[in-house]
Amino acid sequence: MESISRRMAHFARSLRFEAIPDPAVSAAKRFLLDSVGCALGALKLPDVQAAYRYVQQLGGTKQASIIGYGGQTNVPNAALMNSLLIRAMDYNDIYWKEDPSHPSDVIPAALAPGEYRRVDGKELIVGIVIAYELVMRLCAAAHPGIREFGWHHASLTQFVSPLVAGRMLGLCENEMVAAVGISGSSHFTLGAVVAGHLTNMKNAADPLATEAGVRAAMLAAMGYTGPMEVFEGKEGLFRVLSGTTWDQEALFDGLGEKFLITKCSLKAFPTEVLTHQPITATLELMQENRINPSKVKEVLVETTTRGVDILSDPSKHHPTTKETADQSLPYCIAVAIAKGEVLPSDFEEKALRHPLVLELLPKIKVVANPEIDALFPKVKRAIVTITSDDGQIHRNQEDFAKGEPERPLSDEELVGKFRENARAALGEPQLKKLIHSTLTVEEFTDIRQYVSLLSR
């Protein structure tokens, strides 16, 4: 029987643009546009600038471009920087079955090697689709997910990024298997990166796993070998993370025929995904009932036990960093009440000291609801109850946040989000050209021409 990594490699090697249905192609282009917008919006963030200085200091062969900056570096470092840029605002896509993931973090594993190899736009779309199809299936393979045992989802990304990069680099099937073994045996990530008081590693974990996969693919191209049965073999993934039950066939259910990319969500808010239903419910309550933010007496948020654990621990009630604030359910709800919206600017250092937001924080209580736990993760329900000073009580239940497949962002809303993120980096004529070029990227015969549009 073929190993799991070989079956994945066969899929990554054999998928053709012509076999991808139009809705999946359209989804890939929408996610690319959203990702580029997120990257351009993150250029001035301190962690991004620190990483850029690091890459500049390393130097190296100029092989692929860094979004927004315009300069080039070697392929793995370009993949690292571009993935971090996409991830840094916590505004890119989200998919959550048994495990969560941000499949767009892996797009740079197609973009940087693809630019280096001068692939065409159709091939870039193939690489993006490979990333989504494999990441999303890995998110459904462990019951319960590996996050329940303290492992971050970057531990899954490390198995997919080498296949995406391998496709762009033209690796043969044996080389792809080796690349999966190299990366997949060397880059497990602890959940500590998203626990308690958060640091820059919250955003860097998945980009580092993307970089690891690109490096592994380039090593494999030189003849370097890795474990051939890194999933199911002796001391492989399934044996080492044995506390969960692995559904191997979930990895291949409909692979190449049923395209999951259309089931992935775009984010309407630059925050951790379990804040989205509560934010949506809060905004609706405030708008529909015309509640005066200064007259709010108390707020009760009912969510999952996981939501309480990771989004409402003591550090989340007094966030002092962007990384902690965008993972803080009390802070996000306070912002929604005080400002009537939740934007990237609400997580800048000066915004963390907004007087009304600070006044609202102690009034917000987050509790676990067993009935909501029973629905999770299929439905991520939230119930928000706002009590005003005059005794009026308003309650709202939300099962699906804006941006999920059940409530998708329209093309107009997606372009609006892109413009809001990218307008500080690029002028209007270039923005207009970039939007059109991304949504017709399959027409490029050499994606270097497309990549040149991603910087001023």
Protein backbone atom coordinates (compact mmCIF):
# COMPACT_ATOMS: atom_id res chain seq x y z
CA MET A 1 0.00 0.00 0.00
CA GLU A 2 1.24 3.50 -0.84
CA SER A 3 2.21 5.72 2.07
CA ILE A 4 0.08 8.72 2.95
CA SER A 5 2.78 11.17 1.97
CA ARG A 6 3.10 9.44 -1.42
CA ARG A 7 -0.65 9.63 -2.03
CA MET A 8 -0.54 13.32 -1.17
CA ALA A 9 2.47 13.81 -3.43
CA HIS A 10 0.65 12.09 -6.27
CA PHE A 11 -2.25 14.52 -5.88
CA ALA A 12 0.06 17.52 -5.75
CA ARG A 13 1.96 16.34 -8.81
CA SER A 14 -1.04 15.39 -10.92
CA LEU A 15 -3.61 18.16 -10.34
CA ARG A 16 -4.22 20.22 -13.46
CA PHE A 17 -5.80 23.65 -13.77
CA GLU A 18 -8.37 22.32 -16.22
CA ALA A 19 -9.61 19.83 -13.59
CA ILE A 20 -10.40 22.56 -11.05
CA PRO A 21 -14.06 23.69 -11.17
CA ASP A 22 -14.79 27.36 -11.78
CA PRO A 23 -16.09 27.99 -8.22
CA ALA A 24 -12.81 26.66 -6.79
CA VAL A 25 -10.75 28.79 -9.20
CA SER A 26 -12.80 31.83 -8.24
CA ALA A 27 -12.31 31.05 -4.53
CA ALA A 28 -8.54 30.74 -5.01
CA LYS A 29 -8.41 34.19 -6.61
CA ARG A 30 -10.58 35.71 -3.87
CA PHE A 31 -8.30 34.28 -1.19
CA LEU A 32 -5.24 35.54 -3.06
CA LEU A 33 -6.71 39.06 -3.21
CA ASP A 34 -7.62 38.96 0.46
CA SER A 35 -4.16 37.69 1.40
CA VAL A 36 -2.32 40.34 -0.58
CA GLY A 37 -4.50 43.00 1.05
CA CYS A 38 -3.73 41.65 4.50
CA ALA A 39 -0.02 41.62 3.66
CA LEU A 40 -0.01 45.22 2.44
CA GLY A 41 -1.93 46.30 5.54
CA ALA A 42 0.69 44.74 7.83
CA LEU A 43 3.78 46.50 6.50
CA LYS A 44 4.14 48.88 9.45
CA LEU A 45 3.55 46.37 12.23
CA PRO A 46 6.56 46.08 14.59
CA ASP A 47 6.88 42.29 14.30
CA VAL A 48 6.83 42.49 10.50
CA GLN A 49 9.46 45.22 10.47
CA ALA A 50 11.66 43.24 12.86
CA ALA A 51 11.41 40.16 10.64
CA TYR A 52 12.21 42.24 7.58
CA ARG A 53 15.35 43.60 9.25
CA TYR A 54 16.32 40.02 10.07
CA VAL A 55 15.89 38.91 6.44
CA GLN A 56 17.82 41.94 5.18
CA GLN A 57 20.66 41.21 7.59
CA LEU A 58 20.91 37.63 6.36
CA GLY A 59 21.24 38.72 2.74
CA GLY A 60 21.53 35.93 0.21
CA THR A 61 20.72 35.20 -3.40
CA LYS A 62 17.92 37.35 -4.84
CA GLN A 63 15.34 34.84 -6.01
CA ALA A 64 11.86 36.00 -4.98
CA SER A 65 10.10 39.20 -3.95
CA ILE A 66 8.74 40.38 -0.59
CA ILE A 67 5.22 41.78 -0.82
CA GLY A 68 5.06 45.54 -0.26
CA TYR A 69 8.80 46.07 0.18
CA GLY A 70 9.76 45.37 -3.41
CA GLY A 71 13.18 43.89 -2.71
CA GLN A 72 14.15 40.28 -3.23
CA THR A 73 15.70 37.60 -1.06
CA ASN A 74 16.12 33.84 -1.32
CA VAL A 75 13.03 31.71 -1.83
CA PRO A 76 12.60 30.37 1.75
CA ASN A 77 13.02 33.79 3.34
CA ALA A 78 10.62 35.35 0.83
CA ALA A 79 8.08 32.66 1.75
CA LEU A 80 8.62 33.38 5.46
CA MET A 81 8.21 37.13 5.07
CA ASN A 82 5.19 36.92 2.79
CA SER A 83 3.46 34.40 5.05
CA LEU A 84 4.12 36.58 8.09
CA LEU A 85 2.78 39.61 6.24
CA ILE A 86 -0.41 37.73 5.38
CA ARG A 87 -0.81 36.47 8.95
CA ALA A 88 0.33 39.45 11.03
CA MET A 89 -2.99 41.33 11.30
CA ASP A 90 -4.93 38.11 12.09
CA TYR A 91 -7.26 39.20 9.30
CA ASN A 92 -6.68 36.44 6.75
CA ASP A 93 -8.90 33.42 6.16
CA ILE A 94 -10.00 30.75 8.65
CA TYR A 95 -11.12 27.14 8.49
CA TRP A 96 -12.07 25.10 11.53
CA LYS A 97 -13.26 21.53 11.69
CA GLU A 98 -11.55 19.42 14.36
CA ASP A 99 -8.55 21.74 14.13
CA PRO A 100 -8.39 25.38 13.02
CA SER A 101 -6.12 26.68 10.31
CA HIS A 102 -5.41 29.65 8.05
CA PRO A 103 -4.74 27.99 4.68
CA SER A 104 -3.69 31.29 3.11
CA ASP A 105 -0.56 31.19 5.30
CA VAL A 106 0.65 28.57 2.79
CA ILE A 107 0.03 30.68 -0.34
CA PRO A 108 3.62 32.01 -0.17
CA ALA A 109 4.85 28.41 -0.56
CA ALA A 110 3.39 28.72 -4.06
CA LEU A 111 4.13 32.39 -4.69
CA ALA A 112 7.87 32.56 -3.88
CA PRO A 113 8.96 29.30 -5.57
CA GLY A 114 6.56 30.05 -8.43
CA GLU A 115 8.13 33.44 -9.01
CA TYR A 116 11.58 31.86 -8.90
CA ARG A 117 10.56 29.22 -11.44
CA ARG A 118 8.60 31.74 -13.54
CA VAL A 119 5.43 29.64 -13.57
CA ASP A 120 2.26 31.00 -15.16
CA GLY A 121 -0.88 32.22 -13.43
CA LYS A 122 -2.75 28.97 -13.91
CA GLU A 123 0.02 27.08 -12.16
CA LEU A 124 -0.07 29.55 -9.26
CA ILE A 125 -3.79 28.86 -8.85
CA VAL A 126 -3.06 25.11 -8.86
CA GLY A 127 -0.54 25.64 -6.05
CA ILE A 128 -3.04 27.64 -4.02
CA VAL A 129 -5.73 24.99 -4.48
CA ILE A 130 -3.32 22.22 -3.43
CA ALA A 131 -2.60 24.16 -0.24
CA TYR A 132 -6.26 24.57 0.66
CA GLU A 133 -7.34 21.05 -0.21
CA LEU A 134 -4.64 19.39 1.88
CA VAL A 135 -4.66 21.79 4.86
CA MET A 136 -8.44 21.64 5.15
CA ARG A 137 -8.48 17.84 5.07
CA LEU A 138 -5.79 17.65 7.74
CA CYS A 139 -8.03 19.85 9.90
CA ALA A 140 -10.67 17.10 9.78
CA ALA A 141 -8.40 14.09 10.27
CA ALA A 142 -7.83 14.03 14.06
CA HIS A 143 -10.72 13.38 16.47
CA PRO A 144 -10.44 15.43 18.62
CA GLY A 145 -8.08 17.87 16.97
CA ILE A 146 -4.43 18.08 17.97
CA ARG A 147 -5.11 21.52 19.48
CA GLU A 148 -6.92 19.70 22.30
CA PHE A 149 -3.57 18.14 23.24
CA GLY A 150 -1.62 21.39 23.22
CA TRP A 151 -0.29 21.36 19.65
CA HIS A 152 -0.64 24.35 17.32
CA HIS A 153 -2.02 23.88 13.81
CA ALA A 154 1.36 24.84 12.34
CA SER A 155 2.15 21.21 13.17
CA LEU A 156 -0.19 20.34 10.29
CA THR A 157 1.00 23.09 7.95
CA GLN A 158 4.48 21.57 7.94
CA PHE A 159 3.16 18.57 5.99
CA VAL A 160 1.47 20.66 3.27
CA SER A 161 3.91 23.47 2.54
CA PRO A 162 6.58 21.13 1.08
CA LEU A 163 4.03 19.70 -1.34
CA VAL A 164 2.94 23.14 -2.53
CA ALA A 165 6.53 24.30 -2.93
CA GLY A 166 7.47 20.98 -4.51
CA ARG A 167 4.81 21.41 -7.18
CA MET A 168 6.08 24.90 -8.03
CA LEU A 169 9.70 23.69 -8.11
CA GLY A 170 8.89 20.77 -10.40
CA LEU A 171 9.87 18.02 -7.97
CA CYS A 172 9.25 14.41 -8.93
CA GLU A 173 7.04 12.24 -6.72
CA ASN A 174 9.94 10.68 -4.81
CA GLU A 175 11.39 14.11 -4.10
CA MET A 176 8.02 15.33 -2.83
CA VAL A 177 7.77 12.37 -0.46
CA ALA A 178 11.24 13.19 0.82
CA ALA A 179 10.28 16.85 1.30
CA VAL A 180 7.22 15.90 3.37
CA GLY A 181 9.44 13.66 5.50
CA ILE A 182 12.04 16.39 6.02
CA SER A 183 9.59 19.10 6.99
CA GLY A 184 7.06 16.86 8.73
CA SER A 185 9.63 15.36 11.09
CA SER A 186 11.15 18.66 12.16
CA HIS A 187 8.61 21.40 12.81
CA PHE A 188 6.01 20.55 15.45
CA THR A 189 4.72 23.67 17.20
CA LEU A 190 3.57 23.98 20.81
CA GLY A 191 0.22 25.56 21.60
CA ALA A 192 2.09 27.86 23.98
CA VAL A 193 2.35 30.34 21.11
CA VAL A 194 -1.39 31.09 21.47
CA ALA A 195 -1.79 30.63 25.23
CA GLY A 196 -1.95 33.28 27.94
CA HIS A 197 -0.09 36.55 27.30
CA LEU A 198 0.71 36.44 23.60
CA THR A 199 3.90 37.40 21.81
CA ASN A 200 5.06 37.82 18.22
CA MET A 201 5.20 34.03 17.89
CA LYS A 202 1.39 33.96 17.72
CA ASN A 203 1.68 35.27 14.17
CA ALA A 204 5.00 33.65 13.25
CA ALA A 205 4.21 30.00 14.03
CA ASP A 206 2.49 29.15 10.75
CA PRO A 207 4.83 31.24 8.56
CA LEU A 208 7.80 29.37 10.06
CA ALA A 209 6.09 26.09 9.12
CA THR A 210 5.56 27.43 5.61
CA GLU A 211 9.23 28.39 5.38
CA ALA A 212 10.21 24.94 6.69
CA GLY A 213 8.27 23.28 3.88
CA VAL A 214 9.89 25.44 1.22
CA ARG A 215 13.36 24.67 2.58
CA ALA A 216 12.50 20.98 2.69
CA ALA A 217 11.39 21.02 -0.94
CA MET A 218 14.60 22.75 -1.99
CA LEU A 219 16.67 20.24 -0.02
CA ALA A 220 14.78 17.35 -1.60
CA ALA A 221 15.48 18.83 -5.04
CA MET A 222 19.18 18.39 -4.22
CA GLY A 223 18.73 14.73 -3.41
CA TYR A 224 18.22 15.06 0.34
CA THR A 225 15.97 12.36 1.80
CA GLY A 226 13.49 12.21 4.69
CA PRO A 227 11.21 9.65 6.39
CA MET A 228 8.97 8.08 3.75
CA GLU A 229 6.14 7.15 6.12
CA VAL A 230 6.16 10.22 8.33
CA PHE A 231 2.42 9.95 8.98
CA GLU A 232 1.74 6.28 9.67
CA GLY A 233 5.24 4.83 10.06
CA LYS A 234 7.17 3.92 13.19
CA GLU A 235 7.32 6.95 15.50
CA GLY A 236 5.46 8.96 12.86
CA LEU A 237 2.65 11.47 13.41
CA PHE A 238 -0.10 8.94 14.12
CA ARG A 239 2.03 6.98 16.62
CA VAL A 240 3.46 9.98 18.46
CA LEU A 241 0.22 11.97 18.71
CA SER A 242 -1.67 8.86 19.75
CA GLY A 243 -4.08 10.47 22.21
CA THR A 244 -6.39 11.32 19.35
CA THR A 245 -8.05 9.08 16.75
CA TRP A 246 -6.77 9.59 13.22
CA ASP A 247 -9.13 9.15 10.26
CA GLN A 248 -6.67 8.47 7.47
CA GLU A 249 -9.30 8.34 4.78
CA ALA A 250 -10.52 11.83 5.68
CA LEU A 251 -7.27 13.01 4.11
CA PHE A 252 -8.34 11.64 0.74
CA ASP A 253 -12.14 11.88 0.83
CA GLY A 254 -13.05 13.36 -2.55
CA LEU A 255 -9.51 14.68 -3.05
CA GLY A 256 -9.26 16.02 -6.60
CA GLU A 257 -13.01 15.70 -7.13
CA LYS A 258 -14.68 17.54 -4.21
CA PHE A 259 -12.96 20.88 -3.69
CA LEU A 260 -13.11 22.15 -0.12
CA ILE A 261 -11.61 25.56 -0.85
CA THR A 262 -15.11 26.95 -1.37
CA LYS A 263 -15.92 26.02 2.26
CA CYS A 264 -13.19 28.19 3.76
CA SER A 265 -14.14 31.49 5.45
CA LEU A 266 -12.92 35.01 4.93
CA LYS A 267 -12.55 37.15 8.02
CA ALA A 268 -14.74 40.19 8.51
CA PHE A 269 -12.82 41.14 11.68
CA PRO A 270 -9.05 41.15 12.39
CA THR A 271 -9.42 38.90 15.43
CA GLU A 272 -9.35 35.29 16.61
CA VAL A 273 -12.15 33.38 14.91
CA LEU A 274 -14.10 32.49 18.08
CA THR A 275 -14.62 36.20 18.65
CA HIS A 276 -16.49 36.59 15.37
CA GLN A 277 -19.91 35.30 16.34
CA PRO A 278 -19.89 37.31 19.60
CA ILE A 279 -18.77 40.44 17.74
CA THR A 280 -21.46 39.94 15.10
CA ALA A 281 -24.14 39.41 17.75
CA THR A 282 -22.98 42.50 19.67
CA LEU A 283 -22.91 44.79 16.64
CA GLU A 284 -26.42 43.67 15.67
CA LEU A 285 -27.73 44.31 19.18
CA MET A 286 -26.19 47.76 19.38
CA GLN A 287 -27.41 48.82 15.93
CA GLU A 288 -30.90 47.31 16.01
CA ASN A 289 -31.70 48.59 19.50
CA ARG A 290 -29.77 51.87 19.25
CA ILE A 291 -28.09 51.23 22.57
CA ASN A 292 -25.98 54.09 23.93
CA PRO A 293 -22.50 52.64 24.62
CA SER A 294 -22.06 54.83 27.69
CA LYS A 295 -25.31 53.46 29.15
CA VAL A 296 -24.28 49.78 29.04
CA LYS A 297 -24.40 48.32 32.55
CA GLU A 298 -23.23 44.77 31.90
CA VAL A 299 -22.60 42.31 29.08
CA LEU A 300 -22.84 38.55 29.26
CA VAL A 301 -21.16 36.53 26.50
CA GLU A 302 -21.97 32.82 26.32
CA THR A 303 -19.55 30.79 24.24
CA THR A 304 -17.63 27.53 24.23
CA THR A 305 -15.41 26.26 27.03
CA ARG A 306 -12.50 26.66 24.60
CA GLY A 307 -13.52 30.28 23.97
CA VAL A 308 -13.49 31.01 27.71
CA ASP A 309 -10.14 29.27 28.14
CA ILE A 310 -8.19 30.94 25.34
CA LEU A 311 -10.03 34.25 24.91
CA SER A 312 -10.99 35.21 28.46
CA ASP A 313 -8.15 34.17 30.76
CA PRO A 314 -6.88 36.94 33.11
CA SER A 315 -4.39 38.35 30.60
CA LYS A 316 -7.23 38.94 28.11
CA HIS A 317 -9.09 41.29 30.46
CA HIS A 318 -6.20 43.76 30.48
CA PRO A 319 -4.51 43.39 27.07
CA THR A 320 -1.35 45.42 26.59
CA THR A 321 -0.23 44.12 23.20
CA LYS A 322 -1.87 43.73 19.81
CA GLU A 323 -1.30 39.98 19.92
CA THR A 324 -3.21 39.65 23.21
CA ALA A 325 -5.92 42.18 22.31
CA ASP A 326 -6.98 40.50 19.06
CA GLN A 327 -7.29 37.24 21.00
CA SER A 328 -9.25 38.90 23.84
CA LEU A 329 -13.00 38.38 23.70
CA PRO A 330 -13.70 41.05 26.36
CA TYR A 331 -11.61 43.61 24.47
CA CYS A 332 -13.21 42.81 21.10
CA ILE A 333 -16.71 43.12 22.58
CA ALA A 334 -15.79 46.39 24.30
CA VAL A 335 -14.54 47.79 20.99
CA ALA A 336 -17.69 46.65 19.17
CA ILE A 337 -19.88 48.40 21.77
CA ALA A 338 -17.81 51.56 21.99
CA LYS A 339 -17.12 52.10 18.31
CA GLY A 340 -19.77 50.17 16.38
CA GLU A 341 -17.10 48.36 14.36
CA VAL A 342 -13.90 46.36 14.85
CA LEU A 343 -11.01 47.40 12.61
CA PRO A 344 -7.25 46.76 12.43
CA SER A 345 -6.63 50.23 13.88
CA ASP A 346 -8.39 49.15 17.09
CA PHE A 347 -5.39 46.97 17.93
CA GLU A 348 -2.72 49.62 17.61
CA GLU A 349 -0.96 50.54 20.86
CA LYS A 350 -2.75 53.87 21.34
CA ALA A 351 -6.15 52.26 20.73
CA LEU A 352 -5.62 49.85 23.64
CA ARG A 353 -6.01 52.83 25.98
CA HIS A 354 -9.33 54.10 24.58
CA PRO A 355 -11.22 55.48 27.64
CA LEU A 356 -14.66 54.03 26.86
CA VAL A 357 -13.20 50.65 25.94
CA LEU A 358 -11.32 50.53 29.26
CA GLU A 359 -14.50 51.55 31.08
CA LEU A 360 -16.47 48.74 29.41
CA LEU A 361 -13.95 45.94 30.00
CA PRO A 362 -14.89 45.19 33.66
CA LYS A 363 -18.57 45.06 32.67
CA ILE A 364 -18.06 42.13 30.29
CA LYS A 365 -18.41 38.59 31.59
CA VAL A 366 -17.61 35.55 29.45
CA VAL A 367 -19.01 32.15 30.42
CA ALA A 368 -19.11 28.66 28.93
CA ASN A 369 -22.46 27.26 27.84
CA PRO A 370 -22.68 23.42 27.75
CA GLU A 371 -25.32 23.55 25.01
CA ILE A 372 -22.94 25.57 22.84
CA ASP A 373 -20.12 23.12 23.60
CA ALA A 374 -22.32 20.30 22.28
CA LEU A 375 -22.58 22.06 18.90
CA PHE A 376 -18.87 22.86 18.59
CA PRO A 377 -16.92 22.80 16.30
CA LYS A 378 -19.59 22.33 13.59
CA VAL A 379 -21.48 25.38 14.87
CA LYS A 380 -19.63 28.09 16.81
CA ARG A 381 -22.67 29.65 18.46
CA ALA A 382 -22.47 32.71 20.68
CA ILE A 383 -25.16 34.36 22.79
CA VAL A 384 -24.73 37.98 23.88
CA THR A 385 -26.93 39.70 26.44
CA ILE A 386 -26.57 43.45 27.01
CA THR A 387 -28.19 45.12 30.01
CA SER A 388 -28.56 48.90 30.00
CA ASP A 389 -28.51 51.28 32.96
CA ASP A 390 -32.29 51.66 32.64
CA GLY A 391 -32.80 47.90 33.13
CA GLN A 392 -33.54 47.02 29.50
CA ILE A 393 -32.17 43.61 28.48
CA HIS A 394 -31.30 42.78 24.88
CA ARG A 395 -30.25 39.26 23.82
CA ASN A 396 -28.96 37.93 20.51
CA GLN A 397 -27.84 34.49 19.37
CA GLU A 398 -25.46 34.14 16.43
CA ASP A 399 -24.41 30.86 14.81
CA PHE A 400 -22.63 32.14 11.71
CA ALA A 401 -20.39 35.18 11.49
CA LYS A 402 -20.02 37.39 8.47
CA GLY A 403 -17.46 35.87 6.10
CA GLU A 404 -18.41 32.23 6.66
CA PRO A 405 -19.77 30.23 3.70
CA GLU A 406 -23.24 30.59 5.20
CA ARG A 407 -22.83 34.41 5.21
CA PRO A 408 -20.09 35.06 2.65
CA LEU A 409 -18.46 38.37 1.87
CA SER A 410 -19.69 39.62 -1.48
CA ASP A 411 -17.17 40.53 -4.16
CA GLU A 412 -17.89 44.18 -3.38
CA GLU A 413 -17.26 43.63 0.34
CA LEU A 414 -14.06 41.71 -0.37
CA VAL A 415 -12.72 44.47 -2.62
CA GLY A 416 -13.70 47.01 0.04
CA LYS A 417 -11.73 45.09 2.66
CA PHE A 418 -8.76 44.87 0.29
CA ARG A 419 -8.81 48.61 -0.41
CA GLU A 420 -9.05 49.44 3.31
CA ASN A 421 -6.02 47.27 4.04
CA ALA A 422 -3.88 48.23 1.05
CA ARG A 423 -4.58 51.92 0.47
CA ALA A 424 -1.75 53.15 2.73
CA ALA A 425 0.76 51.06 0.77
CA LEU A 426 -0.31 51.63 -2.84
CA GLY A 427 -1.83 54.48 -4.81
CA GLU A 428 -5.30 54.23 -6.33
CA PRO A 429 -4.20 53.51 -9.93
CA GLN A 430 -2.00 50.63 -8.76
CA LEU A 431 -4.72 49.34 -6.42
CA LYS A 432 -7.17 49.25 -9.28
CA LYS A 433 -4.72 47.42 -11.52
CA LEU A 434 -3.80 44.96 -8.76
CA ILE A 435 -7.44 44.08 -8.05
CA HIS A 436 -8.08 43.39 -11.73
CA SER A 437 -4.83 41.48 -12.16
CA THR A 438 -5.47 39.26 -9.12
CA LEU A 439 -8.98 38.38 -10.24
CA THR A 440 -7.59 37.48 -13.70
CA VAL A 441 -4.25 36.06 -12.53
CA GLU A 442 -4.70 32.93 -14.66
CA GLU A 443 -4.00 35.08 -17.73
CA PHE A 444 -0.37 35.78 -16.73
CA THR A 445 2.20 33.74 -18.63
CA ASP A 446 4.90 34.54 -16.04
CA ILE A 447 3.84 35.41 -12.48
CA ARG A 448 6.87 37.64 -12.09
CA GLN A 449 4.77 40.18 -13.97
CA TYR A 450 2.01 39.77 -11.38
CA VAL A 451 4.37 39.86 -8.40
CA SER A 452 5.82 43.17 -9.63
CA LEU A 453 2.43 44.73 -8.92
CA LEU A 454 2.54 43.79 -5.21
CA SER A 455 4.91 46.63 -4.28
CA ARG A 456 5.04 50.33 -4.93
